[in-house]
Amino acid sequence: MNWLFKSPPEVRNLSILLEIDNLKTSFNLPRGVLNAVDNVSLSVRRGETLAIVGESGCGKSMTAFSVMRLVPPPGQIAGGRIVLAGTDLLALSEEEMRKVRGNRIAMIFQEPMSSLNPVFRIGDQIAEGLVLHRRLTKEQALDETCKILRQVGIPSPADRMRDYPHQLSGGMRQRVMIAIAIACKPELLIADEPTTALDVTIQAQILELLDSLKRENDMGMMLITHDFGIVAEHSQSTSVMYAGRIVEAAPTPELLQNPLHPYTRGLLDSLPQRAVEGKPLKTIPGQVPDLLAPLEGCGFCVRCPDRQWRCSSETPPVTEFPGEHMVRCWKYA
């Protein structure tokens, strides 16, 4: 239980790097319109890690893809603003956005084997971004690649540069993905479930590496995860998503010690660390709503133990509490 109450470093006085305001990303499907990201607002400060947590399908990854402007068709960003250090990313042309991706913003994807090109050596894949964004010669880029591989903890980097992705272990491939992401020293790093399918020891190494790189490069980081242990140890702020919406957001220690939204409380109560001996592990009853159906009111109301008469028909407003703690729930309105 101790990890639930560990307070990460305080960074609330740092300047805002990324600001998302009322972002809406939708998919026009034969059955109707699916709002994968529904009026989401959040911010990331320089030197801060913002964790986004929630069940599968709640919109975490699609929020990240929207920031990168990599929403797959037939999806589209239907509204809102995404501002990176004063630059409105949604106002950029595709050519201008290509200069931002991999340079000012970088992303570590969930599965490195499907993200790395299987027919190119890893050294060439890392060097490509250095040639494109930092205008290095191929020889200079390969020299820099060797240094970056050493920085992310890959042994014998000069030899590993000549390897293909299939010749590396899962942990090594994830380190290569991190090397590609940090090669151009981005201002913002998005890590989408960066430790999926890795064993516990490798998970800890990868997360400590990301923390170290964040401090060294003064990056902001958006960490997408469903693991509250990772949230407690490695983030300073947390936003909880459900059915495409942010339902609660707060500094991480405050959210873990004082969860307000019934969904957040349900997620924390279902952790094995909170199991009572001799009693079954708590779960959240019901299912995530069908996002193809019009979402009226609170999307969590059919599963909520605290639901009120208006929860099913009226969208709850945002209620703010001291210490930058906000919640979207009629119970507090």
C-alpha atoms as a PDB file:
ATOM      1  CA  MET A   1       0.000   0.000   0.000  1.00  0.00           C
ATOM      2  CA  ASN A   2       2.866   2.428   0.599  1.00  0.00           C
ATOM      3  CA  TRP A   3       3.327   3.250  -3.070  1.00  0.00           C
ATOM      4  CA  LEU A   4      -0.185   4.721  -3.155  1.00  0.00           C
ATOM      5  CA  PHE A   5       0.936   7.563  -0.944  1.00  0.00           C
ATOM      6  CA  LYS A   6       4.403   8.303  -2.209  1.00  0.00           C
ATOM      7  CA  SER A   7       4.633  11.964  -3.224  1.00  0.00           C
ATOM      8  CA  PRO A   8       6.553  12.562  -6.455  1.00  0.00           C
ATOM      9  CA  PRO A   9       8.696  15.702  -6.811  1.00  0.00           C
ATOM     10  CA  GLU A  10       6.676  18.919  -6.719  1.00  0.00           C
ATOM     11  CA  VAL A  11       6.705  20.728 -10.076  1.00  0.00           C
ATOM     12  CA  ARG A  12       3.537  22.848  -9.966  1.00  0.00           C
ATOM     13  CA  ASN A  13       5.465  26.112 -10.500  1.00  0.00           C
ATOM     14  CA  LEU A  14       6.820  25.098 -13.905  1.00  0.00           C
ATOM     15  CA  SER A  15       5.588  26.712 -17.113  1.00  0.00           C
ATOM     16  CA  ILE A  16       2.966  25.047 -19.287  1.00  0.00           C
ATOM     17  CA  LEU A  17       4.430  23.306 -22.323  1.00  0.00           C
ATOM     18  CA  LEU A  18       1.364  21.642 -23.871  1.00  0.00           C
ATOM     19  CA  GLU A  19      -2.194  22.876 -23.549  1.00  0.00           C
ATOM     20  CA  ILE A  20      -5.170  20.964 -24.940  1.00  0.00           C
ATOM     21  CA  ASP A  21      -8.486  22.777 -24.905  1.00  0.00           C
ATOM     22  CA  ASN A  22     -11.842  21.077 -25.668  1.00  0.00           C
ATOM     23  CA  LEU A  23     -10.280  18.552 -28.033  1.00  0.00           C
ATOM     24  CA  LYS A  24     -12.777  16.439 -29.947  1.00  0.00           C
ATOM     25  CA  THR A  25     -11.730  13.528 -32.161  1.00  0.00           C
ATOM     26  CA  SER A  26     -14.453  11.588 -33.936  1.00  0.00           C
ATOM     27  CA  PHE A  27     -14.853   8.688 -36.354  1.00  0.00           C
ATOM     28  CA  ASN A  28     -17.579   8.715 -39.009  1.00  0.00           C
ATOM     29  CA  LEU A  29     -18.513   5.032 -39.172  1.00  0.00           C
ATOM     30  CA  PRO A  30     -21.353   3.274 -41.030  1.00  0.00           C
ATOM     31  CA  ARG A  31     -23.246   2.858 -37.739  1.00  0.00           C
ATOM     32  CA  GLY A  32     -22.820   6.487 -36.740  1.00  0.00           C
ATOM     33  CA  VAL A  33     -20.326   8.949 -35.273  1.00  0.00           C
ATOM     34  CA  LEU A  34     -17.986   7.687 -32.550  1.00  0.00           C
ATOM     35  CA  ASN A  35     -16.539  10.430 -30.330  1.00  0.00           C
ATOM     36  CA  ALA A  36     -13.298   8.799 -29.209  1.00  0.00           C
ATOM     37  CA  VAL A  37     -12.096  12.028 -27.558  1.00  0.00           C
ATOM     38  CA  ASP A  38     -14.941  14.156 -26.269  1.00  0.00           C
ATOM     39  CA  ASN A  39     -14.076  17.762 -25.327  1.00  0.00           C
ATOM     40  CA  VAL A  40     -10.877  16.885 -23.473  1.00  0.00           C
ATOM     41  CA  SER A  41      -8.849  19.639 -21.821  1.00  0.00           C
ATOM     42  CA  LEU A  42      -5.507  19.091 -20.103  1.00  0.00           C
ATOM     43  CA  SER A  43      -2.025  20.569 -19.828  1.00  0.00           C
ATOM     44  CA  VAL A  44       1.559  19.366 -19.389  1.00  0.00           C
ATOM     45  CA  ARG A  45       4.267  21.443 -17.740  1.00  0.00           C
ATOM     46  CA  ARG A  46       7.951  21.452 -18.603  1.00  0.00           C
ATOM     47  CA  GLY A  47       9.792  18.856 -16.546  1.00  0.00           C
ATOM     48  CA  GLU A  48       6.494  17.242 -15.527  1.00  0.00           C
ATOM     49  CA  THR A  49       4.996  13.824 -16.215  1.00  0.00           C
ATOM     50  CA  LEU A  50       1.250  13.819 -16.712  1.00  0.00           C
ATOM     51  CA  ALA A  51      -0.290  10.349 -16.422  1.00  0.00           C
ATOM     52  CA  ILE A  52      -3.495   9.567 -18.295  1.00  0.00           C
ATOM     53  CA  VAL A  53      -5.259   6.512 -16.869  1.00  0.00           C
ATOM     54  CA  GLY A  54      -8.430   4.601 -17.614  1.00  0.00           C
ATOM     55  CA  GLU A  55      -9.813   1.364 -19.024  1.00  0.00           C
ATOM     56  CA  SER A  56      -8.992   0.147 -22.526  1.00  0.00           C
ATOM     57  CA  GLY A  57     -10.986   2.056 -25.113  1.00  0.00           C
ATOM     58  CA  CYS A  58     -11.492   5.166 -22.979  1.00  0.00           C
ATOM     59  CA  GLY A  59      -9.616   7.449 -25.398  1.00  0.00           C
ATOM     60  CA  LYS A  60      -6.123   7.629 -23.880  1.00  0.00           C
ATOM     61  CA  SER A  61      -4.178   6.589 -26.978  1.00  0.00           C
ATOM     62  CA  MET A  62      -6.442   8.538 -29.325  1.00  0.00           C
ATOM     63  CA  THR A  63      -5.688  11.676 -27.313  1.00  0.00           C
ATOM     64  CA  ALA A  64      -1.986  11.020 -27.920  1.00  0.00           C
ATOM     65  CA  PHE A  65      -2.506  10.360 -31.632  1.00  0.00           C
ATOM     66  CA  SER A  66      -4.467  13.608 -31.836  1.00  0.00           C
ATOM     67  CA  VAL A  67      -1.553  15.555 -30.338  1.00  0.00           C
ATOM     68  CA  MET A  68       0.735  13.987 -32.951  1.00  0.00           C
ATOM     69  CA  ARG A  69      -1.931  14.565 -35.635  1.00  0.00           C
ATOM     70  CA  LEU A  70      -1.734  10.892 -36.530  1.00  0.00           C
ATOM     71  CA  VAL A  71      -5.424  10.012 -36.122  1.00  0.00           C
ATOM     72  CA  PRO A  72      -6.078   7.038 -38.446  1.00  0.00           C
ATOM     73  CA  PRO A  73      -8.860   7.367 -41.033  1.00  0.00           C
ATOM     74  CA  PRO A  74     -11.816   7.672 -40.962  1.00  0.00           C
ATOM     75  CA  GLY A  75     -11.043   9.562 -37.763  1.00  0.00           C
ATOM     76  CA  GLN A  76     -10.587  13.308 -37.677  1.00  0.00           C
ATOM     77  CA  ILE A  77      -9.963  16.063 -35.171  1.00  0.00           C
ATOM     78  CA  ALA A  78     -13.359  17.734 -35.111  1.00  0.00           C
ATOM     79  CA  GLY A  79     -12.661  20.636 -32.763  1.00  0.00           C
ATOM     80  CA  GLY A  80     -10.560  22.174 -30.042  1.00  0.00           C
ATOM     81  CA  ARG A  81      -7.022  23.501 -29.747  1.00  0.00           C
ATOM     82  CA  ILE A  82      -3.629  21.844 -29.206  1.00  0.00           C
ATOM     83  CA  VAL A  83      -0.922  24.379 -28.361  1.00  0.00           C
ATOM     84  CA  LEU A  84       2.737  23.414 -27.905  1.00  0.00           C
ATOM     85  CA  ALA A  85       4.848  26.210 -26.410  1.00  0.00           C
ATOM     86  CA  GLY A  86       2.795  28.842 -28.216  1.00  0.00           C
ATOM     87  CA  THR A  87       2.430  26.929 -31.499  1.00  0.00           C
ATOM     88  CA  ASP A  88      -1.122  25.962 -32.481  1.00  0.00           C
ATOM     89  CA  LEU A  89      -0.539  22.483 -33.895  1.00  0.00           C
ATOM     90  CA  LEU A  90      -3.964  22.285 -35.530  1.00  0.00           C
ATOM     91  CA  ALA A  91      -3.203  25.416 -37.553  1.00  0.00           C
ATOM     92  CA  LEU A  92      -0.067  23.920 -39.125  1.00  0.00           C
ATOM     93  CA  SER A  93       0.016  22.445 -42.614  1.00  0.00           C
ATOM     94  CA  GLU A  94       0.927  18.762 -42.915  1.00  0.00           C
ATOM     95  CA  GLU A  95       4.395  19.731 -44.153  1.00  0.00           C
ATOM     96  CA  GLU A  96       4.913  22.001 -41.145  1.00  0.00           C
ATOM     97  CA  MET A  97       3.614  19.275 -38.806  1.00  0.00           C
ATOM     98  CA  ARG A  98       6.151  16.801 -40.180  1.00  0.00           C
ATOM     99  CA  LYS A  99       8.877  19.139 -38.943  1.00  0.00           C
ATOM    100  CA  VAL A 100       7.352  19.001 -35.463  1.00  0.00           C
ATOM    101  CA  ARG A 101       6.898  15.211 -35.222  1.00  0.00           C
ATOM    102  CA  GLY A 102      10.053  13.465 -34.068  1.00  0.00           C
ATOM    103  CA  ASN A 103      11.642  16.831 -33.442  1.00  0.00           C
ATOM    104  CA  ARG A 104       9.627  18.897 -30.949  1.00  0.00           C
ATOM    105  CA  ILE A 105       7.208  16.067 -30.101  1.00  0.00           C
ATOM    106  CA  ALA A 106       8.108  12.372 -30.055  1.00  0.00           C
ATOM    107  CA  MET A 107       6.104   9.283 -29.205  1.00  0.00           C
ATOM    108  CA  ILE A 108       6.987   5.852 -27.855  1.00  0.00           C
ATOM    109  CA  PHE A 109       4.404   3.393 -29.133  1.00  0.00           C
ATOM    110  CA  GLN A 110       2.993   0.384 -27.281  1.00  0.00           C
ATOM    111  CA  GLU A 111       4.600  -2.411 -29.302  1.00  0.00           C
ATOM    112  CA  PRO A 112       8.139  -1.751 -30.560  1.00  0.00           C
ATOM    113  CA  MET A 113       8.222  -4.769 -32.873  1.00  0.00           C
ATOM    114  CA  SER A 114       5.347  -3.361 -34.919  1.00  0.00           C
ATOM    115  CA  SER A 115       6.761   0.190 -34.800  1.00  0.00           C
ATOM    116  CA  LEU A 116      10.319  -0.582 -35.904  1.00  0.00           C
ATOM    117  CA  ASN A 117      10.973  -1.299 -39.571  1.00  0.00           C
ATOM    118  CA  PRO A 118      12.037  -4.968 -39.758  1.00  0.00           C
ATOM    119  CA  VAL A 119      14.187  -4.522 -42.898  1.00  0.00           C
ATOM    120  CA  PHE A 120      16.391  -1.663 -41.672  1.00  0.00           C
ATOM    121  CA  ARG A 121      19.193  -1.798 -39.135  1.00  0.00           C
ATOM    122  CA  ILE A 122      18.389   0.004 -35.906  1.00  0.00           C
ATOM    123  CA  GLY A 123      21.311   2.408 -36.359  1.00  0.00           C
ATOM    124  CA  ASP A 124      19.872   3.622 -39.654  1.00  0.00           C
ATOM    125  CA  GLN A 125      16.392   4.023 -38.140  1.00  0.00           C
ATOM    126  CA  ILE A 126      17.706   6.264 -35.364  1.00  0.00           C
ATOM    127  CA  ALA A 127      20.035   8.215 -37.673  1.00  0.00           C
ATOM    128  CA  GLU A 128      17.180   8.998 -40.075  1.00  0.00           C
ATOM    129  CA  GLY A 129      15.613  11.535 -37.701  1.00  0.00           C
ATOM    130  CA  LEU A 130      18.964  13.181 -36.998  1.00  0.00           C
ATOM    131  CA  VAL A 131      19.595  13.684 -40.706  1.00  0.00           C
ATOM    132  CA  LEU A 132      16.072  15.000 -41.292  1.00  0.00           C
ATOM    133  CA  HIS A 133      15.631  17.319 -38.313  1.00  0.00           C
ATOM    134  CA  ARG A 134      19.148  18.220 -37.169  1.00  0.00           C
ATOM    135  CA  ARG A 135      20.675  18.350 -40.662  1.00  0.00           C
ATOM    136  CA  LEU A 136      23.589  16.093 -39.760  1.00  0.00           C
ATOM    137  CA  THR A 137      25.537  14.195 -42.369  1.00  0.00           C
ATOM    138  CA  LYS A 138      25.012  10.433 -42.418  1.00  0.00           C
ATOM    139  CA  GLU A 139      28.397   9.890 -40.766  1.00  0.00           C
ATOM    140  CA  GLN A 140      27.677  12.478 -38.061  1.00  0.00           C
ATOM    141  CA  ALA A 141      24.240  10.966 -37.480  1.00  0.00           C
ATOM    142  CA  LEU A 142      25.662   7.469 -37.016  1.00  0.00           C
ATOM    143  CA  ASP A 143      28.239   8.790 -34.520  1.00  0.00           C
ATOM    144  CA  GLU A 144      25.459  10.523 -32.595  1.00  0.00           C
ATOM    145  CA  THR A 145      23.337   7.355 -32.778  1.00  0.00           C
ATOM    146  CA  CYS A 146      26.074   5.400 -31.026  1.00  0.00           C
ATOM    147  CA  LYS A 147      26.093   7.961 -28.194  1.00  0.00           C
ATOM    148  CA  ILE A 148      22.293   7.860 -27.885  1.00  0.00           C
ATOM    149  CA  LEU A 149      22.242   4.054 -27.714  1.00  0.00           C
ATOM    150  CA  ARG A 150      24.799   4.216 -24.938  1.00  0.00           C
ATOM    151  CA  GLN A 151      22.672   6.863 -23.177  1.00  0.00           C
ATOM    152  CA  VAL A 152      19.621   4.582 -23.157  1.00  0.00           C
ATOM    153  CA  GLY A 153      21.624   1.727 -21.668  1.00  0.00           C
ATOM    154  CA  ILE A 154      22.248  -0.533 -24.673  1.00  0.00           C
ATOM    155  CA  PRO A 155      25.582  -2.381 -24.257  1.00  0.00           C
ATOM    156  CA  SER A 156      28.101  -2.465 -27.113  1.00  0.00           C
ATOM    157  CA  PRO A 157      26.189   0.213 -29.042  1.00  0.00           C
ATOM    158  CA  ALA A 158      28.545   0.177 -32.027  1.00  0.00           C
ATOM    159  CA  ASP A 159      27.708  -3.499 -32.563  1.00  0.00           C
ATOM    160  CA  ARG A 160      23.983  -3.165 -31.827  1.00  0.00           C
ATOM    161  CA  MET A 161      23.659  -0.436 -34.457  1.00  0.00           C
ATOM    162  CA  ARG A 162      24.135  -3.103 -37.107  1.00  0.00           C
ATOM    163  CA  ASP A 163      21.415  -5.365 -35.706  1.00  0.00           C
ATOM    164  CA  TYR A 164      17.900  -5.742 -37.084  1.00  0.00           C
ATOM    165  CA  PRO A 165      14.917  -5.441 -34.691  1.00  0.00           C
ATOM    166  CA  HIS A 166      14.276  -9.197 -34.577  1.00  0.00           C
ATOM    167  CA  GLN A 167      17.788  -9.750 -33.207  1.00  0.00           C
ATOM    168  CA  LEU A 168      17.036  -7.796 -30.018  1.00  0.00           C
ATOM    169  CA  SER A 169      15.058  -8.693 -26.914  1.00  0.00           C
ATOM    170  CA  GLY A 170      11.801  -6.925 -26.054  1.00  0.00           C
ATOM    171  CA  GLY A 171      13.527  -4.685 -23.520  1.00  0.00           C
ATOM    172  CA  MET A 172      16.279  -3.780 -25.988  1.00  0.00           C
ATOM    173  CA  ARG A 173      13.720  -2.976 -28.700  1.00  0.00           C
ATOM    174  CA  GLN A 174      11.896  -0.691 -26.278  1.00  0.00           C
ATOM    175  CA  ARG A 175      15.185   1.091 -25.545  1.00  0.00           C
ATOM    176  CA  VAL A 176      15.686   1.532 -29.298  1.00  0.00           C
ATOM    177  CA  MET A 177      12.214   3.118 -29.499  1.00  0.00           C
ATOM    178  CA  ILE A 178      13.214   5.481 -26.702  1.00  0.00           C
ATOM    179  CA  ALA A 179      16.469   6.273 -28.520  1.00  0.00           C
ATOM    180  CA  ILE A 180      14.526   7.183 -31.671  1.00  0.00           C
ATOM    181  CA  ALA A 181      12.142   9.331 -29.615  1.00  0.00           C
ATOM    182  CA  ILE A 182      14.809  11.324 -27.759  1.00  0.00           C
ATOM    183  CA  ALA A 183      17.339  11.603 -30.599  1.00  0.00           C
ATOM    184  CA  CYS A 184      16.325  15.181 -31.441  1.00  0.00           C
ATOM    185  CA  LYS A 185      15.796  16.195 -27.810  1.00  0.00           C
ATOM    186  CA  PRO A 186      12.036  16.807 -28.055  1.00  0.00           C
ATOM    187  CA  GLU A 187      10.207  19.248 -25.831  1.00  0.00           C
ATOM    188  CA  LEU A 188       7.367  16.754 -25.298  1.00  0.00           C
ATOM    189  CA  LEU A 189       7.603  12.977 -25.055  1.00  0.00           C
ATOM    190  CA  ILE A 190       4.454  10.850 -25.282  1.00  0.00           C
ATOM    191  CA  ALA A 191       4.848   7.334 -23.869  1.00  0.00           C
ATOM    192  CA  ASP A 192       1.903   5.066 -24.723  1.00  0.00           C
ATOM    193  CA  GLU A 193       2.015   2.057 -22.368  1.00  0.00           C
ATOM    194  CA  PRO A 194       5.828   1.970 -22.719  1.00  0.00           C
ATOM    195  CA  THR A 195       6.272  -1.160 -20.565  1.00  0.00           C
ATOM    196  CA  THR A 196       3.526  -3.362 -22.034  1.00  0.00           C
ATOM    197  CA  ALA A 197       4.560  -7.043 -22.263  1.00  0.00           C
ATOM    198  CA  LEU A 198       7.869  -6.434 -20.437  1.00  0.00           C
ATOM    199  CA  ASP A 199       8.768  -8.264 -17.248  1.00  0.00           C
ATOM    200  CA  VAL A 200       8.763  -6.341 -13.980  1.00  0.00           C
ATOM    201  CA  THR A 201      12.539  -5.829 -13.804  1.00  0.00           C
ATOM    202  CA  ILE A 202      12.730  -4.429 -17.342  1.00  0.00           C
ATOM    203  CA  GLN A 203       9.653  -2.266 -16.667  1.00  0.00           C
ATOM    204  CA  ALA A 204      11.407  -0.593 -13.749  1.00  0.00           C
ATOM    205  CA  GLN A 205      14.559   0.007 -15.811  1.00  0.00           C
ATOM    206  CA  ILE A 206      12.611   1.563 -18.706  1.00  0.00           C
ATOM    207  CA  LEU A 207      10.607   3.869 -16.435  1.00  0.00           C
ATOM    208  CA  GLU A 208      13.687   4.983 -14.500  1.00  0.00           C
ATOM    209  CA  LEU A 209      15.381   5.664 -17.837  1.00  0.00           C
ATOM    210  CA  LEU A 210      12.470   7.834 -18.970  1.00  0.00           C
ATOM    211  CA  ASP A 211      12.549   9.777 -15.694  1.00  0.00           C
ATOM    212  CA  SER A 212      16.273  10.349 -16.064  1.00  0.00           C
ATOM    213  CA  LEU A 213      15.980  11.510 -19.680  1.00  0.00           C
ATOM    214  CA  LYS A 214      13.131  13.835 -18.743  1.00  0.00           C
ATOM    215  CA  ARG A 215      15.276  15.507 -16.088  1.00  0.00           C
ATOM    216  CA  GLU A 216      18.344  15.769 -18.315  1.00  0.00           C
ATOM    217  CA  ASN A 217      16.454  17.298 -21.257  1.00  0.00           C
ATOM    218  CA  ASP A 218      13.827  19.263 -19.270  1.00  0.00           C
ATOM    219  CA  MET A 219      11.079  17.538 -21.259  1.00  0.00           C
ATOM    220  CA  GLY A 220       7.415  17.369 -20.536  1.00  0.00           C
ATOM    221  CA  MET A 221       6.029  13.838 -20.671  1.00  0.00           C
ATOM    222  CA  MET A 222       2.577  12.403 -21.239  1.00  0.00           C
ATOM    223  CA  LEU A 223       2.480   8.877 -19.808  1.00  0.00           C
ATOM    224  CA  ILE A 224      -0.442   6.705 -20.886  1.00  0.00           C
ATOM    225  CA  THR A 225      -1.008   3.738 -18.607  1.00  0.00           C
ATOM    226  CA  HIS A 226      -3.588   1.700 -16.704  1.00  0.00           C
ATOM    227  CA  ASP A 227      -1.153   0.856 -13.880  1.00  0.00           C
ATOM    228  CA  PHE A 228      -1.608   2.978 -10.732  1.00  0.00           C
ATOM    229  CA  GLY A 229       1.710   1.704  -9.378  1.00  0.00           C
ATOM    230  CA  ILE A 230       3.446   3.381 -12.317  1.00  0.00           C
ATOM    231  CA  VAL A 231       1.286   6.482 -11.838  1.00  0.00           C
ATOM    232  CA  ALA A 232       2.264   6.785  -8.168  1.00  0.00           C
ATOM    233  CA  GLU A 233       5.982   6.326  -8.740  1.00  0.00           C
ATOM    234  CA  HIS A 234       6.537   8.235 -11.979  1.00  0.00           C
ATOM    235  CA  SER A 235       3.996  11.041 -12.461  1.00  0.00           C
ATOM    236  CA  GLN A 236       3.362  14.403 -10.884  1.00  0.00           C
ATOM    237  CA  SER A 237      -0.148  14.963 -12.280  1.00  0.00           C
ATOM    238  CA  THR A 238      -2.882  12.515 -13.271  1.00  0.00           C
ATOM    239  CA  SER A 239      -5.971  12.762 -15.480  1.00  0.00           C
ATOM    240  CA  VAL A 240      -8.555   9.969 -15.363  1.00  0.00           C
ATOM    241  CA  MET A 241     -10.432   9.256 -18.615  1.00  0.00           C
ATOM    242  CA  TYR A 242     -13.727   7.485 -19.100  1.00  0.00           C
ATOM    243  CA  ALA A 243     -15.737   7.155 -22.320  1.00  0.00           C
ATOM    244  CA  GLY A 244     -13.610   9.775 -24.077  1.00  0.00           C
ATOM    245  CA  ARG A 245     -13.864  12.375 -21.303  1.00  0.00           C
ATOM    246  CA  ILE A 246     -11.632  13.539 -18.472  1.00  0.00           C
ATOM    247  CA  VAL A 247     -13.652  12.816 -15.327  1.00  0.00           C
ATOM    248  CA  GLU A 248     -11.034  13.767 -12.722  1.00  0.00           C
ATOM    249  CA  ALA A 249      -7.652  15.469 -12.675  1.00  0.00           C
ATOM    250  CA  ALA A 250      -5.300  16.441  -9.862  1.00  0.00           C
ATOM    251  CA  PRO A 251      -1.678  16.338  -8.702  1.00  0.00           C
ATOM    252  CA  THR A 252      -0.926  12.625  -8.361  1.00  0.00           C
ATOM    253  CA  PRO A 253      -0.518  12.453  -4.544  1.00  0.00           C
ATOM    254  CA  GLU A 254      -3.792  14.352  -4.074  1.00  0.00           C
ATOM    255  CA  LEU A 255      -5.704  12.120  -6.493  1.00  0.00           C
ATOM    256  CA  LEU A 256      -4.415   8.899  -4.921  1.00  0.00           C
ATOM    257  CA  GLN A 257      -5.121  10.012  -1.372  1.00  0.00           C
ATOM    258  CA  ASN A 258      -8.417  11.782  -2.056  1.00  0.00           C
ATOM    259  CA  PRO A 259     -10.143  10.348  -5.154  1.00  0.00           C
ATOM    260  CA  LEU A 260     -13.464  12.090  -5.739  1.00  0.00           C
ATOM    261  CA  HIS A 261     -15.059  10.606  -8.839  1.00  0.00           C
ATOM    262  CA  PRO A 262     -16.812   7.238  -8.293  1.00  0.00           C
ATOM    263  CA  TYR A 263     -14.933   5.828 -11.292  1.00  0.00           C
ATOM    264  CA  THR A 264     -11.547   6.805  -9.849  1.00  0.00           C
ATOM    265  CA  ARG A 265     -12.506   5.299  -6.494  1.00  0.00           C
ATOM    266  CA  GLY A 266     -13.648   2.123  -8.273  1.00  0.00           C
ATOM    267  CA  LEU A 267     -10.334   1.794 -10.101  1.00  0.00           C
ATOM    268  CA  LEU A 268      -8.340   2.226  -6.887  1.00  0.00           C
ATOM    269  CA  ASP A 269     -10.586  -0.112  -4.882  1.00  0.00           C
ATOM    270  CA  SER A 270     -10.070  -2.855  -7.485  1.00  0.00           C
ATOM    271  CA  LEU A 271      -6.293  -2.876  -6.964  1.00  0.00           C
ATOM    272  CA  PRO A 272      -4.881  -6.110  -5.489  1.00  0.00           C
ATOM    273  CA  GLN A 273      -3.112  -4.017  -2.822  1.00  0.00           C
ATOM    274  CA  ARG A 274      -6.523  -3.106  -1.416  1.00  0.00           C
ATOM    275  CA  ALA A 275      -7.903  -6.644  -1.341  1.00  0.00           C
ATOM    276  CA  VAL A 276      -9.228  -7.883   1.992  1.00  0.00           C
ATOM    277  CA  GLU A 277      -8.154 -11.386   2.948  1.00  0.00           C
ATOM    278  CA  GLY A 278     -10.978 -13.862   2.557  1.00  0.00           C
ATOM    279  CA  LYS A 279     -13.067 -11.535   0.408  1.00  0.00           C
ATOM    280  CA  PRO A 280     -13.255 -11.359  -3.390  1.00  0.00           C
ATOM    281  CA  LEU A 281     -11.419  -8.543  -5.153  1.00  0.00           C
ATOM    282  CA  LYS A 282     -13.694  -5.569  -5.789  1.00  0.00           C
ATOM    283  CA  THR A 283     -14.697  -4.831  -9.370  1.00  0.00           C
ATOM    284  CA  ILE A 284     -16.624  -2.116 -11.198  1.00  0.00           C
ATOM    285  CA  PRO A 285     -19.935  -3.638 -12.319  1.00  0.00           C
ATOM    286  CA  GLY A 286     -21.284  -3.183 -15.844  1.00  0.00           C
ATOM    287  CA  GLN A 287     -19.551  -2.231 -19.072  1.00  0.00           C
ATOM    288  CA  VAL A 288     -18.191   0.852 -20.807  1.00  0.00           C
ATOM    289  CA  PRO A 289     -21.015   2.497 -22.804  1.00  0.00           C
ATOM    290  CA  ASP A 290     -21.281   2.087 -26.565  1.00  0.00           C
ATOM    291  CA  LEU A 291     -19.723   5.304 -27.858  1.00  0.00           C
ATOM    292  CA  LEU A 292     -21.634   4.961 -31.128  1.00  0.00           C
ATOM    293  CA  ALA A 293     -24.824   5.672 -29.197  1.00  0.00           C
ATOM    294  CA  PRO A 294     -25.466   9.321 -28.274  1.00  0.00           C
ATOM    295  CA  LEU A 295     -23.830   9.884 -24.894  1.00  0.00           C
ATOM    296  CA  GLU A 296     -26.284  11.863 -22.811  1.00  0.00           C
ATOM    297  CA  GLY A 297     -25.473  12.827 -19.259  1.00  0.00           C
ATOM    298  CA  CYS A 298     -22.611  11.097 -17.462  1.00  0.00           C
ATOM    299  CA  GLY A 299     -21.182   8.087 -19.296  1.00  0.00           C
ATOM    300  CA  PHE A 300     -20.494   6.345 -15.977  1.00  0.00           C
ATOM    301  CA  CYS A 301     -23.998   6.699 -14.513  1.00  0.00           C
ATOM    302  CA  VAL A 302     -25.234   3.150 -15.265  1.00  0.00           C
ATOM    303  CA  ARG A 303     -22.264   1.731 -13.321  1.00  0.00           C
ATOM    304  CA  CYS A 304     -22.157   4.360 -10.587  1.00  0.00           C
ATOM    305  CA  PRO A 305     -23.161   3.621  -6.962  1.00  0.00           C
ATOM    306  CA  ASP A 306     -23.750   7.359  -6.355  1.00  0.00           C
ATOM    307  CA  ARG A 307     -25.909   8.125  -9.399  1.00  0.00           C
ATOM    308  CA  GLN A 308     -28.632  10.758  -9.158  1.00  0.00           C
ATOM    309  CA  TRP A 309     -31.779  11.326 -11.200  1.00  0.00           C
ATOM    310  CA  ARG A 310     -30.116  13.831 -13.547  1.00  0.00           C
ATOM    311  CA  CYS A 311     -26.934  11.801 -14.211  1.00  0.00           C
ATOM    312  CA  SER A 312     -28.504   9.970 -17.161  1.00  0.00           C
ATOM    313  CA  SER A 313     -29.756  13.072 -18.951  1.00  0.00           C
ATOM    314  CA  GLU A 314     -27.529  16.033 -18.037  1.00  0.00           C
ATOM    315  CA  THR A 315     -23.775  16.227 -18.579  1.00  0.00           C
ATOM    316  CA  PRO A 316     -22.119  17.041 -15.236  1.00  0.00           C
ATOM    317  CA  PRO A 317     -20.151  20.282 -15.076  1.00  0.00           C
ATOM    318  CA  VAL A 318     -16.542  20.552 -13.951  1.00  0.00           C
ATOM    319  CA  THR A 319     -16.176  21.324 -10.244  1.00  0.00           C
ATOM    320  CA  GLU A 320     -12.831  22.694  -9.048  1.00  0.00           C
ATOM    321  CA  PHE A 321     -11.321  22.176  -5.602  1.00  0.00           C
ATOM    322  CA  PRO A 322      -8.236  23.730  -3.970  1.00  0.00           C
ATOM    323  CA  GLY A 323      -4.887  22.346  -5.104  1.00  0.00           C
ATOM    324  CA  GLU A 324      -5.774  22.065  -8.820  1.00  0.00           C
ATOM    325  CA  HIS A 325      -8.152  19.181  -8.200  1.00  0.00           C
ATOM    326  CA  MET A 326     -11.105  18.998 -10.602  1.00  0.00           C
ATOM    327  CA  VAL A 327     -13.897  16.484 -11.023  1.00  0.00           C
ATOM    328  CA  ARG A 328     -16.799  16.112 -13.454  1.00  0.00           C
ATOM    329  CA  CYS A 329     -19.600  14.664 -11.295  1.00  0.00           C
ATOM    330  CA  TRP A 330     -23.059  15.836 -10.205  1.00  0.00           C
ATOM    331  CA  LYS A 331     -22.293  14.730  -6.659  1.00  0.00           C
ATOM    332  CA  TYR A 332     -20.027  17.778  -6.235  1.00  0.00           C
ATOM    333  CA  ALA A 333     -21.781  20.274  -8.520  1.00  0.00           C
END
